[in-house]
C-alpha atoms as a PDB file:
ATOM      1  CA  PRO A   1     -80.488  36.605  38.822  1.00  0.00           C
ATOM      2  CA  HIS A   2     -80.246  33.194  37.198  1.00  0.00           C
ATOM      3  CA  SER A   3     -80.804  31.610  33.818  1.00  0.00           C
ATOM      4  CA  LEU A   4     -83.748  29.444  33.007  1.00  0.00           C
ATOM      5  CA  ALA A   5     -82.233  28.378  29.704  1.00  0.00           C
ATOM      6  CA  CYS A   6     -82.356  24.704  29.031  1.00  0.00           C
ATOM      7  CA  VAL A   7     -79.253  23.422  27.181  1.00  0.00           C
ATOM      8  CA  ASP A   8     -80.451  19.758  27.057  1.00  0.00           C
ATOM      9  CA  LYS A   9     -81.176  19.845  23.323  1.00  0.00           C
ATOM     10  CA  ALA A  10     -77.808  21.475  22.529  1.00  0.00           C
ATOM     11  CA  ARG A  11     -76.077  19.099  24.777  1.00  0.00           C
ATOM     12  CA  LYS A  12     -77.660  16.087  22.933  1.00  0.00           C
ATOM     13  CA  LEU A  13     -77.402  17.361  19.368  1.00  0.00           C
ATOM     14  CA  LEU A  14     -74.169  19.316  19.518  1.00  0.00           C
ATOM     15  CA  GLY A  15     -72.284  17.918  22.467  1.00  0.00           C
ATOM     16  CA  TYR A  16     -72.497  21.416  24.078  1.00  0.00           C
ATOM     17  CA  ASP A  17     -71.235  21.609  27.689  1.00  0.00           C
ATOM     18  CA  PRO A  18     -71.180  25.089  29.196  1.00  0.00           C
ATOM     19  CA  ARG A  19     -67.948  25.793  31.133  1.00  0.00           C
ATOM     20  CA  PHE A  20     -69.241  28.787  33.117  1.00  0.00           C
ATOM     21  CA  SER A  21     -72.460  29.686  34.941  1.00  0.00           C
ATOM     22  CA  MET A  22     -74.238  32.824  33.800  1.00  0.00           C
ATOM     23  CA  ARG A  23     -72.902  34.742  36.759  1.00  0.00           C
ATOM     24  CA  GLN A  24     -69.277  33.613  36.217  1.00  0.00           C
ATOM     25  CA  GLY A  25     -69.488  34.321  32.459  1.00  0.00           C
ATOM     26  CA  LEU A  26     -70.651  37.863  33.078  1.00  0.00           C
ATOM     27  CA  LYS A  27     -67.895  38.406  35.678  1.00  0.00           C
ATOM     28  CA  GLU A  28     -65.299  37.194  33.182  1.00  0.00           C
ATOM     29  CA  ALA A  29     -66.748  39.313  30.361  1.00  0.00           C
ATOM     30  CA  VAL A  30     -66.734  42.514  32.468  1.00  0.00           C
ATOM     31  CA  LYS A  31     -63.191  41.807  33.574  1.00  0.00           C
ATOM     32  CA  TRP A  32     -62.165  41.396  29.937  1.00  0.00           C
ATOM     33  CA  TYR A  33     -63.836  44.593  28.848  1.00  0.00           C
ATOM     34  CA  TRP A  34     -62.229  46.665  31.635  1.00  0.00           C
ATOM     35  CA  ASN A  35     -58.778  45.344  30.783  1.00  0.00           C
ATOM     36  CA  ASN A  36     -59.138  45.671  26.995  1.00  0.00           C
ATOM     37  CA  LEU A  37     -61.135  48.828  26.355  1.00  0.00           C
END
């Protein structure tokens, strides 16, 4: 699975720069939930 989201507008208007890919973000979220729930 992959994301088709375009962040160009957020990057231009808000200076947004994602630090993680969708896959890496989900892995980190799952790890956090397992360690904190």
